[in-house]
Amino acid sequence: MEQIDFMPAVKQGYWFYGGLTLCPVRIVQHHTLYGTHNPEDPTEIAVDREADCFYVRYHPPGGHESWHDGGTALSLREAVFLAQRKLGPVVQWND
């Protein structure tokens, strides 16, 4: 999953922690939908599979080297909504 952090963003911008602190958010497109790798989960969610998908990555406030996981969606539109649910309604996208 670490390679996703180095992929170019298809959409990026900022979210506001506490309504004041600007923190970066980005969405990257990938061809692999990573599974949970948990043997107790059903096969369809436990194993990796080929699928066009979008990963939401974000930085919380403060100094962080790695991106945090904001979830995965099967469309860009769904990824934008996922980012807003995770990070708050005020996400500013650079279009």
PDB file of N, CA and C in Angstrom:
ATOM      1  N   MET A   1       0.833  -1.193   0.000  1.00  0.00           N
ATOM      2  CA  MET A   1       0.000   0.000   0.000  1.00  0.00           C
ATOM      3  C   MET A   1       0.875   1.254   0.000  1.00  0.00           C
ATOM      4  N   GLU A   2       2.106   1.105   0.434  1.00  0.00           N
ATOM      5  CA  GLU A   2       3.006   2.254   0.521  1.00  0.00           C
ATOM      6  C   GLU A   2       3.235   2.914  -0.839  1.00  0.00           C
ATOM      7  N   GLN A   3       3.206   2.123  -1.914  1.00  0.00           N
ATOM      8  CA  GLN A   3       3.428   2.684  -3.249  1.00  0.00           C
ATOM      9  C   GLN A   3       2.356   3.693  -3.631  1.00  0.00           C
ATOM     10  N   ILE A   4       1.186   3.594  -3.065  1.00  0.00           N
ATOM     11  CA  ILE A   4       0.097   4.529  -3.366  1.00  0.00           C
ATOM     12  C   ILE A   4       0.480   5.956  -2.981  1.00  0.00           C
ATOM     13  N   ASP A   5       1.252   6.102  -1.928  1.00  0.00           N
ATOM     14  CA  ASP A   5       1.649   7.439  -1.479  1.00  0.00           C
ATOM     15  C   ASP A   5       2.525   8.162  -2.496  1.00  0.00           C
ATOM     16  N   PHE A   6       3.144   7.433  -3.404  1.00  0.00           N
ATOM     17  CA  PHE A   6       4.044   8.038  -4.385  1.00  0.00           C
ATOM     18  C   PHE A   6       3.405   8.182  -5.764  1.00  0.00           C
ATOM     19  N   MET A   7       2.163   7.778  -5.898  1.00  0.00           N
ATOM     20  CA  MET A   7       1.457   7.897  -7.169  1.00  0.00           C
ATOM     21  C   MET A   7       0.924   9.320  -7.336  1.00  0.00           C
ATOM     22  N   PRO A   8       0.784   9.781  -8.576  1.00  0.00           N
ATOM     23  CA  PRO A   8       0.240  11.130  -8.784  1.00  0.00           C
ATOM     24  C   PRO A   8      -1.243  11.191  -8.394  1.00  0.00           C
ATOM     25  N   ALA A   9      -1.619  12.314  -7.851  1.00  0.00           N
ATOM     26  CA  ALA A   9      -3.004  12.509  -7.434  1.00  0.00           C
ATOM     27  C   ALA A   9      -3.888  12.833  -8.640  1.00  0.00           C
ATOM     28  N   VAL A  10      -5.101  12.298  -8.646  1.00  0.00           N
ATOM     29  CA  VAL A  10      -6.083  12.680  -9.660  1.00  0.00           C
ATOM     30  C   VAL A  10      -6.918  13.855  -9.162  1.00  0.00           C
ATOM     31  N   LYS A  11      -6.894  14.054  -7.850  1.00  0.00           N
ATOM     32  CA  LYS A  11      -7.594  15.186  -7.227  1.00  0.00           C
ATOM     33  C   LYS A  11      -6.883  15.453  -5.904  1.00  0.00           C
ATOM     34  N   GLN A  12      -6.663  16.719  -5.608  1.00  0.00           N
ATOM     35  CA  GLN A  12      -6.012  17.061  -4.348  1.00  0.00           C
ATOM     36  C   GLN A  12      -6.505  18.404  -3.846  1.00  0.00           C
ATOM     37  N   GLY A  13      -6.268  18.629  -2.587  1.00  0.00           N
ATOM     38  CA  GLY A  13      -6.690  19.874  -1.983  1.00  0.00           C
ATOM     39  C   GLY A  13      -6.339  19.893  -0.514  1.00  0.00           C
ATOM     40  N   TYR A  14      -7.185  20.575   0.260  1.00  0.00           N
ATOM     41  CA  TYR A  14      -6.953  20.729   1.691  1.00  0.00           C
ATOM     42  C   TYR A  14      -8.235  20.515   2.465  1.00  0.00           C
ATOM     43  N   TRP A  15      -8.088  20.017   3.683  1.00  0.00           N
ATOM     44  CA  TRP A  15      -9.212  19.952   4.600  1.00  0.00           C
ATOM     45  C   TRP A  15      -8.823  20.772   5.826  1.00  0.00           C
ATOM     46  N   PHE A  16      -9.800  21.175   6.596  1.00  0.00           N
ATOM     47  CA  PHE A  16      -9.568  22.091   7.708  1.00  0.00           C
ATOM     48  C   PHE A  16      -9.784  21.376   9.038  1.00  0.00           C
ATOM     49  N   TYR A  17      -8.694  21.062   9.711  1.00  0.00           N
ATOM     50  CA  TYR A  17      -8.777  20.443  11.032  1.00  0.00           C
ATOM     51  C   TYR A  17      -9.250  21.489  12.028  1.00  0.00           C
ATOM     52  N   GLY A  18     -10.314  21.205  12.746  1.00  0.00           N
ATOM     53  CA  GLY A  18     -10.861  22.158  13.709  1.00  0.00           C
ATOM     54  C   GLY A  18     -11.370  23.427  13.061  1.00  0.00           C
ATOM     55  N   GLY A  19     -11.590  23.359  11.753  1.00  0.00           N
ATOM     56  CA  GLY A  19     -12.076  24.524  11.031  1.00  0.00           C
ATOM     57  C   GLY A  19     -11.014  25.566  10.754  1.00  0.00           C
ATOM     58  N   LEU A  20      -9.769  25.340  11.206  1.00  0.00           N
ATOM     59  CA  LEU A  20      -8.731  26.362  11.075  1.00  0.00           C
ATOM     60  C   LEU A  20      -7.440  25.884  10.416  1.00  0.00           C
ATOM     61  N   THR A  21      -6.980  24.709  10.757  1.00  0.00           N
ATOM     62  CA  THR A  21      -5.667  24.245  10.319  1.00  0.00           C
ATOM     63  C   THR A  21      -5.753  23.548   8.966  1.00  0.00           C
ATOM     64  N   LEU A  22      -5.042  24.073   7.970  1.00  0.00           N
ATOM     65  CA  LEU A  22      -5.018  23.470   6.638  1.00  0.00           C
ATOM     66  C   LEU A  22      -4.185  22.194   6.657  1.00  0.00           C
ATOM     67  N   CYS A  23      -4.764  21.115   6.150  1.00  0.00           N
ATOM     68  CA  CYS A  23      -4.078  19.833   6.056  1.00  0.00           C
ATOM     69  C   CYS A  23      -4.326  19.256   4.663  1.00  0.00           C
ATOM     70  N   PRO A  24      -3.308  18.689   4.018  1.00  0.00           N
ATOM     71  CA  PRO A  24      -3.477  18.191   2.657  1.00  0.00           C
ATOM     72  C   PRO A  24      -4.296  16.903   2.580  1.00  0.00           C
ATOM     73  N   VAL A  25      -5.012  16.774   1.477  1.00  0.00           N
ATOM     74  CA  VAL A  25      -5.758  15.557   1.156  1.00  0.00           C
ATOM     75  C   VAL A  25      -5.571  15.307  -0.338  1.00  0.00           C
ATOM     76  N   ARG A  26      -5.517  14.041  -0.709  1.00  0.00           N
ATOM     77  CA  ARG A  26      -5.353  13.694  -2.119  1.00  0.00           C
ATOM     78  C   ARG A  26      -6.079  12.396  -2.414  1.00  0.00           C
ATOM     79  N   ILE A  27      -6.433  12.227  -3.670  1.00  0.00           N
ATOM     80  CA  ILE A  27      -7.067  11.003  -4.142  1.00  0.00           C
ATOM     81  C   ILE A  27      -6.204  10.471  -5.281  1.00  0.00           C
ATOM     82  N   VAL A  28      -5.839   9.202  -5.188  1.00  0.00           N
ATOM     83  CA  VAL A  28      -5.045   8.575  -6.243  1.00  0.00           C
ATOM     84  C   VAL A  28      -5.826   7.404  -6.833  1.00  0.00           C
ATOM     85  N   GLN A  29      -5.635   7.210  -8.126  1.00  0.00           N
ATOM     86  CA  GLN A  29      -6.291   6.093  -8.809  1.00  0.00           C
ATOM     87  C   GLN A  29      -5.302   4.937  -8.899  1.00  0.00           C
ATOM     88  N   HIS A  30      -5.819   3.730  -8.680  1.00  0.00           N
ATOM     89  CA  HIS A  30      -4.963   2.544  -8.714  1.00  0.00           C
ATOM     90  C   HIS A  30      -5.725   1.400  -9.370  1.00  0.00           C
ATOM     91  N   HIS A  31      -5.025   0.402  -9.796  1.00  0.00           N
ATOM     92  CA  HIS A  31      -5.638  -0.742 -10.478  1.00  0.00           C
ATOM     93  C   HIS A  31      -5.795  -1.958  -9.573  1.00  0.00           C
ATOM     94  N   THR A  32      -5.372  -1.846  -8.311  1.00  0.00           N
ATOM     95  CA  THR A  32      -5.510  -2.952  -7.370  1.00  0.00           C
ATOM     96  C   THR A  32      -6.331  -2.512  -6.173  1.00  0.00           C
ATOM     97  N   LEU A  33      -7.380  -3.240  -5.901  1.00  0.00           N
ATOM     98  CA  LEU A  33      -8.189  -3.028  -4.702  1.00  0.00           C
ATOM     99  C   LEU A  33      -7.637  -3.970  -3.643  1.00  0.00           C
ATOM    100  N   TYR A  34      -6.939  -3.418  -2.665  1.00  0.00           N
ATOM    101  CA  TYR A  34      -6.291  -4.227  -1.647  1.00  0.00           C
ATOM    102  C   TYR A  34      -7.312  -4.810  -0.674  1.00  0.00           C
ATOM    103  N   GLY A  35      -7.139  -6.084  -0.360  1.00  0.00           N
ATOM    104  CA  GLY A  35      -8.015  -6.761   0.586  1.00  0.00           C
ATOM    105  C   GLY A  35      -7.521  -6.589   2.009  1.00  0.00           C
ATOM    106  N   THR A  36      -8.277  -7.139   2.932  1.00  0.00           N
ATOM    107  CA  THR A  36      -7.933  -7.027   4.345  1.00  0.00           C
ATOM    108  C   THR A  36      -6.825  -7.996   4.749  1.00  0.00           C
ATOM    109  N   HIS A  37      -6.667  -9.078   4.008  1.00  0.00           N
ATOM    110  CA  HIS A  37      -5.692 -10.137   4.295  1.00  0.00           C
ATOM    111  C   HIS A  37      -5.991 -10.834   5.614  1.00  0.00           C
ATOM    112  N   ASN A  38      -7.222 -10.712   6.072  1.00  0.00           N
ATOM    113  CA  ASN A  38      -7.663 -11.373   7.298  1.00  0.00           C
ATOM    114  C   ASN A  38      -8.342 -12.680   6.913  1.00  0.00           C
ATOM    115  N   PRO A  39      -7.818 -13.830   7.372  1.00  0.00           N
ATOM    116  CA  PRO A  39      -8.406 -15.112   6.984  1.00  0.00           C
ATOM    117  C   PRO A  39      -9.835 -15.318   7.488  1.00  0.00           C
ATOM    118  N   GLU A  40     -10.260 -14.529   8.441  1.00  0.00           N
ATOM    119  CA  GLU A  40     -11.627 -14.654   8.964  1.00  0.00           C
ATOM    120  C   GLU A  40     -12.648 -13.891   8.129  1.00  0.00           C
ATOM    121  N   ASP A  41     -12.163 -13.004   7.241  1.00  0.00           N
ATOM    122  CA  ASP A  41     -13.067 -12.235   6.381  1.00  0.00           C
ATOM    123  C   ASP A  41     -13.470 -13.069   5.172  1.00  0.00           C
ATOM    124  N   PRO A  42     -14.631 -12.761   4.586  1.00  0.00           N
ATOM    125  CA  PRO A  42     -15.020 -13.440   3.348  1.00  0.00           C
ATOM    126  C   PRO A  42     -13.973 -13.193   2.260  1.00  0.00           C
ATOM    127  N   THR A  43     -13.816 -14.146   1.367  1.00  0.00           N
ATOM    128  CA  THR A  43     -12.795 -14.077   0.319  1.00  0.00           C
ATOM    129  C   THR A  43     -12.882 -12.801  -0.496  1.00  0.00           C
ATOM    130  N   GLU A  44     -14.090 -12.340  -0.813  1.00  0.00           N
ATOM    131  CA  GLU A  44     -14.238 -11.165  -1.675  1.00  0.00           C
ATOM    132  C   GLU A  44     -13.676  -9.880  -1.065  1.00  0.00           C
ATOM    133  N   ILE A  45     -13.511  -9.822   0.248  1.00  0.00           N
ATOM    134  CA  ILE A  45     -12.892  -8.635   0.851  1.00  0.00           C
ATOM    135  C   ILE A  45     -11.517  -8.936   1.448  1.00  0.00           C
ATOM    136  N   ALA A  46     -11.167 -10.197   1.588  1.00  0.00           N
ATOM    137  CA  ALA A  46      -9.886 -10.565   2.198  1.00  0.00           C
ATOM    138  C   ALA A  46      -8.726 -10.523   1.213  1.00  0.00           C
ATOM    139  N   VAL A  47      -8.973 -10.841  -0.053  1.00  0.00           N
ATOM    140  CA  VAL A  47      -7.884 -10.927  -1.031  1.00  0.00           C
ATOM    141  C   VAL A  47      -7.831  -9.678  -1.912  1.00  0.00           C
ATOM    142  N   ASP A  48      -6.623  -9.380  -2.387  1.00  0.00           N
ATOM    143  CA  ASP A  48      -6.449  -8.298  -3.353  1.00  0.00           C
ATOM    144  C   ASP A  48      -7.090  -8.718  -4.670  1.00  0.00           C
ATOM    145  N   ARG A  49      -7.610  -7.734  -5.408  1.00  0.00           N
ATOM    146  CA  ARG A  49      -8.159  -8.042  -6.720  1.00  0.00           C
ATOM    147  C   ARG A  49      -7.928  -6.871  -7.659  1.00  0.00           C
ATOM    148  N   GLU A  50      -7.907  -7.184  -8.945  1.00  0.00           N
ATOM    149  CA  GLU A  50      -7.750  -6.141  -9.944  1.00  0.00           C
ATOM    150  C   GLU A  50      -9.061  -5.397 -10.116  1.00  0.00           C
ATOM    151  N   ALA A  51      -8.988  -4.096  -9.938  1.00  0.00           N
ATOM    152  CA  ALA A  51     -10.166  -3.234 -10.116  1.00  0.00           C
ATOM    153  C   ALA A  51      -9.685  -1.792 -10.121  1.00  0.00           C
ATOM    154  N   ASP A  52     -10.261  -0.989 -11.001  1.00  0.00           N
ATOM    155  CA  ASP A  52      -9.972   0.444 -10.942  1.00  0.00           C
ATOM    156  C   ASP A  52     -10.611   0.990  -9.675  1.00  0.00           C
ATOM    157  N   CYS A  53      -9.814   1.659  -8.872  1.00  0.00           N
ATOM    158  CA  CYS A  53     -10.332   2.192  -7.611  1.00  0.00           C
ATOM    159  C   CYS A  53      -9.581   3.465  -7.256  1.00  0.00           C
ATOM    160  N   PHE A  54     -10.062   4.145  -6.232  1.00  0.00           N
ATOM    161  CA  PHE A  54      -9.528   5.430  -5.816  1.00  0.00           C
ATOM    162  C   PHE A  54      -9.278   5.402  -4.316  1.00  0.00           C
ATOM    163  N   TYR A  55      -8.074   5.761  -3.929  1.00  0.00           N
ATOM    164  CA  TYR A  55      -7.685   5.778  -2.522  1.00  0.00           C
ATOM    165  C   TYR A  55      -7.616   7.221  -2.027  1.00  0.00           C
ATOM    166  N   VAL A  56      -8.254   7.485  -0.894  1.00  0.00           N
ATOM    167  CA  VAL A  56      -8.192   8.796  -0.240  1.00  0.00           C
ATOM    168  C   VAL A  56      -7.023   8.758   0.739  1.00  0.00           C
ATOM    169  N   ARG A  57      -6.122   9.707   0.614  1.00  0.00           N
ATOM    170  CA  ARG A  57      -4.958   9.810   1.489  1.00  0.00           C
ATOM    171  C   ARG A  57      -4.935  11.221   2.074  1.00  0.00           C
ATOM    172  N   TYR A  58      -4.575  11.347   3.341  1.00  0.00           N
ATOM    173  CA  TYR A  58      -4.578  12.672   3.969  1.00  0.00           C
ATOM    174  C   TYR A  58      -3.503  12.760   5.044  1.00  0.00           C
ATOM    175  N   HIS A  59      -3.147  13.990   5.385  1.00  0.00           N
ATOM    176  CA  HIS A  59      -2.251  14.268   6.504  1.00  0.00           C
ATOM    177  C   HIS A  59      -3.067  14.914   7.609  1.00  0.00           C
ATOM    178  N   PRO A  60      -2.940  14.439   8.836  1.00  0.00           N
ATOM    179  CA  PRO A  60      -3.529  15.164   9.967  1.00  0.00           C
ATOM    180  C   PRO A  60      -2.637  16.352  10.305  1.00  0.00           C
ATOM    181  N   PRO A  61      -3.059  17.213  11.220  1.00  0.00           N
ATOM    182  CA  PRO A  61      -2.219  18.360  11.576  1.00  0.00           C
ATOM    183  C   PRO A  61      -0.909  17.906  12.219  1.00  0.00           C
ATOM    184  N   GLY A  62       0.096  18.736  12.082  1.00  0.00           N
ATOM    185  CA  GLY A  62       1.407  18.413  12.640  1.00  0.00           C
ATOM    186  C   GLY A  62       2.316  17.825  11.577  1.00  0.00           C
ATOM    187  N   GLY A  63       3.512  17.483  11.962  1.00  0.00           N
ATOM    188  CA  GLY A  63       4.476  16.941  11.020  1.00  0.00           C
ATOM    189  C   GLY A  63       4.336  15.440  10.854  1.00  0.00           C
ATOM    190  N   HIS A  64       3.890  15.012   9.702  1.00  0.00           N
ATOM    191  CA  HIS A  64       3.738  13.587   9.411  1.00  0.00           C
ATOM    192  C   HIS A  64       4.408  13.278   8.081  1.00  0.00           C
ATOM    193  N   GLU A  65       5.227  12.250   8.065  1.00  0.00           N
ATOM    194  CA  GLU A  65       5.921  11.877   6.844  1.00  0.00           C
ATOM    195  C   GLU A  65       5.049  11.031   5.923  1.00  0.00           C
ATOM    196  N   SER A  66       4.265  10.144   6.499  1.00  0.00           N
ATOM    197  CA  SER A  66       3.459   9.254   5.662  1.00  0.00           C
ATOM    198  C   SER A  66       2.007   9.717   5.618  1.00  0.00           C
ATOM    199  N   TRP A  67       1.350   9.354   4.531  1.00  0.00           N
ATOM    200  CA  TRP A  67      -0.065   9.680   4.367  1.00  0.00           C
ATOM    201  C   TRP A  67      -0.899   8.702   5.182  1.00  0.00           C
ATOM    202  N   HIS A  68      -2.045   9.152   5.644  1.00  0.00           N
ATOM    203  CA  HIS A  68      -2.984   8.310   6.377  1.00  0.00           C
ATOM    204  C   HIS A  68      -4.071   7.823   5.426  1.00  0.00           C
ATOM    205  N   ASP A  69      -4.614   6.656   5.729  1.00  0.00           N
ATOM    206  CA  ASP A  69      -5.642   6.045   4.885  1.00  0.00           C
ATOM    207  C   ASP A  69      -7.001   6.649   5.190  1.00  0.00           C
ATOM    208  N   GLY A  70      -7.626   7.198   4.155  1.00  0.00           N
ATOM    209  CA  GLY A  70      -8.958   7.778   4.302  1.00  0.00           C
ATOM    210  C   GLY A  70     -10.047   6.921   3.688  1.00  0.00           C
ATOM    211  N   GLY A  71      -9.662   5.747   3.165  1.00  0.00           N
ATOM    212  CA  GLY A  71     -10.650   4.842   2.593  1.00  0.00           C
ATOM    213  C   GLY A  71     -10.451   4.631   1.099  1.00  0.00           C
ATOM    214  N   THR A  72     -11.247   3.727   0.572  1.00  0.00           N
ATOM    215  CA  THR A  72     -11.160   3.344  -0.832  1.00  0.00           C
ATOM    216  C   THR A  72     -12.539   3.384  -1.453  1.00  0.00           C
ATOM    217  N   ALA A  73     -12.595   3.835  -2.693  1.00  0.00           N
ATOM    218  CA  ALA A  73     -13.865   3.922  -3.411  1.00  0.00           C
ATOM    219  C   ALA A  73     -13.677   3.378  -4.825  1.00  0.00           C
ATOM    220  N   LEU A  74     -14.779   3.021  -5.462  1.00  0.00           N
ATOM    221  CA  LEU A  74     -14.723   2.475  -6.811  1.00  0.00           C
ATOM    222  C   LEU A  74     -14.939   3.532  -7.893  1.00  0.00           C
ATOM    223  N   SER A  75     -15.205   4.782  -7.484  1.00  0.00           N
ATOM    224  CA  SER A  75     -15.317   5.884  -8.442  1.00  0.00           C
ATOM    225  C   SER A  75     -14.740   7.143  -7.804  1.00  0.00           C
ATOM    226  N   LEU A  76     -14.344   8.086  -8.644  1.00  0.00           N
ATOM    227  CA  LEU A  76     -13.804   9.346  -8.138  1.00  0.00           C
ATOM    228  C   LEU A  76     -14.865  10.107  -7.353  1.00  0.00           C
ATOM    229  N   ARG A  77     -16.065  10.107  -7.857  1.00  0.00           N
ATOM    230  CA  ARG A  77     -17.162  10.806  -7.165  1.00  0.00           C
ATOM    231  C   ARG A  77     -17.373  10.239  -5.761  1.00  0.00           C
ATOM    232  N   GLU A  78     -17.372   8.916  -5.660  1.00  0.00           N
ATOM    233  CA  GLU A  78     -17.534   8.266  -4.359  1.00  0.00           C
ATOM    234  C   GLU A  78     -16.350   8.594  -3.441  1.00  0.00           C
ATOM    235  N   ALA A  79     -15.140   8.680  -3.998  1.00  0.00           N
ATOM    236  CA  ALA A  79     -13.960   9.012  -3.201  1.00  0.00           C
ATOM    237  C   ALA A  79     -14.050  10.432  -2.643  1.00  0.00           C
ATOM    238  N   VAL A  80     -14.581  11.365  -3.434  1.00  0.00           N
ATOM    239  CA  VAL A  80     -14.764  12.742  -2.963  1.00  0.00           C
ATOM    240  C   VAL A  80     -15.742  12.764  -1.788  1.00  0.00           C
ATOM    241  N   PHE A  81     -16.848  12.044  -1.907  1.00  0.00           N
ATOM    242  CA  PHE A  81     -17.814  11.979  -0.801  1.00  0.00           C
ATOM    243  C   PHE A  81     -17.209  11.294   0.420  1.00  0.00           C
ATOM    244  N   LEU A  82     -16.409  10.259   0.183  1.00  0.00           N
ATOM    245  CA  LEU A  82     -15.747   9.557   1.279  1.00  0.00           C
ATOM    246  C   LEU A  82     -14.807  10.491   2.027  1.00  0.00           C
ATOM    247  N   ALA A  83     -14.044  11.293   1.299  1.00  0.00           N
ATOM    248  CA  ALA A  83     -13.128  12.253   1.929  1.00  0.00           C
ATOM    249  C   ALA A  83     -13.906  13.260   2.777  1.00  0.00           C
ATOM    250  N   GLN A  84     -15.036  13.729   2.262  1.00  0.00           N
ATOM    251  CA  GLN A  84     -15.835  14.708   3.014  1.00  0.00           C
ATOM    252  C   GLN A  84     -16.445  14.087   4.269  1.00  0.00           C
ATOM    253  N   ARG A  85     -16.856  12.834   4.198  1.00  0.00           N
ATOM    254  CA  ARG A  85     -17.389  12.156   5.389  1.00  0.00           C
ATOM    255  C   ARG A  85     -16.298  11.941   6.421  1.00  0.00           C
ATOM    256  N   LYS A  86     -15.111  11.595   5.963  1.00  0.00           N
ATOM    257  CA  LYS A  86     -13.999  11.294   6.872  1.00  0.00           C
ATOM    258  C   LYS A  86     -13.405  12.562   7.485  1.00  0.00           C
ATOM    259  N   LEU A  87     -13.263  13.613   6.674  1.00  0.00           N
ATOM    260  CA  LEU A  87     -12.507  14.787   7.091  1.00  0.00           C
ATOM    261  C   LEU A  87     -13.356  16.011   7.395  1.00  0.00           C
ATOM    262  N   GLY A  88     -14.633  15.933   7.170  1.00  0.00           N
ATOM    263  CA  GLY A  88     -15.511  17.064   7.431  1.00  0.00           C
ATOM    264  C   GLY A  88     -16.030  17.648   6.138  1.00  0.00           C
ATOM    265  N   PRO A  89     -17.073  18.419   6.229  1.00  0.00           N
ATOM    266  CA  PRO A  89     -17.732  18.910   5.021  1.00  0.00           C
ATOM    267  C   PRO A  89     -16.954  19.968   4.249  1.00  0.00           C
ATOM    268  N   VAL A  90     -15.966  20.589   4.883  1.00  0.00           N
ATOM    269  CA  VAL A  90     -15.233  21.660   4.205  1.00  0.00           C
ATOM    270  C   VAL A  90     -13.890  21.131   3.719  1.00  0.00           C
ATOM    271  N   VAL A  91     -13.912  20.535   2.523  1.00  0.00           N
ATOM    272  CA  VAL A  91     -12.685  20.117   1.840  1.00  0.00           C
ATOM    273  C   VAL A  91     -12.592  21.008   0.607  1.00  0.00           C
ATOM    274  N   GLN A  92     -11.473  21.688   0.462  1.00  0.00           N
ATOM    275  CA  GLN A  92     -11.265  22.542  -0.713  1.00  0.00           C
ATOM    276  C   GLN A  92     -10.408  21.787  -1.702  1.00  0.00           C
ATOM    277  N   TRP A  93     -10.957  21.560  -2.881  1.00  0.00           N
ATOM    278  CA  TRP A  93     -10.235  20.841  -3.939  1.00  0.00           C
ATOM    279  C   TRP A  93      -9.601  21.833  -4.891  1.00  0.00           C
ATOM    280  N   ASN A  94      -8.374  21.523  -5.316  1.00  0.00           N
ATOM    281  CA  ASN A  94      -7.697  22.301  -6.353  1.00  0.00           C
ATOM    282  C   ASN A  94      -8.138  21.713  -7.678  1.00  0.00           C
ATOM    283  N   ASP A  95      -8.949  22.426  -8.426  1.00  0.00           N
ATOM    284  CA  ASP A  95      -9.424  21.882  -9.710  1.00  0.00           C
ATOM    285  C   ASP A  95      -8.654  22.398 -10.862  1.00  0.00           C
TER     286      ASP A  95
END
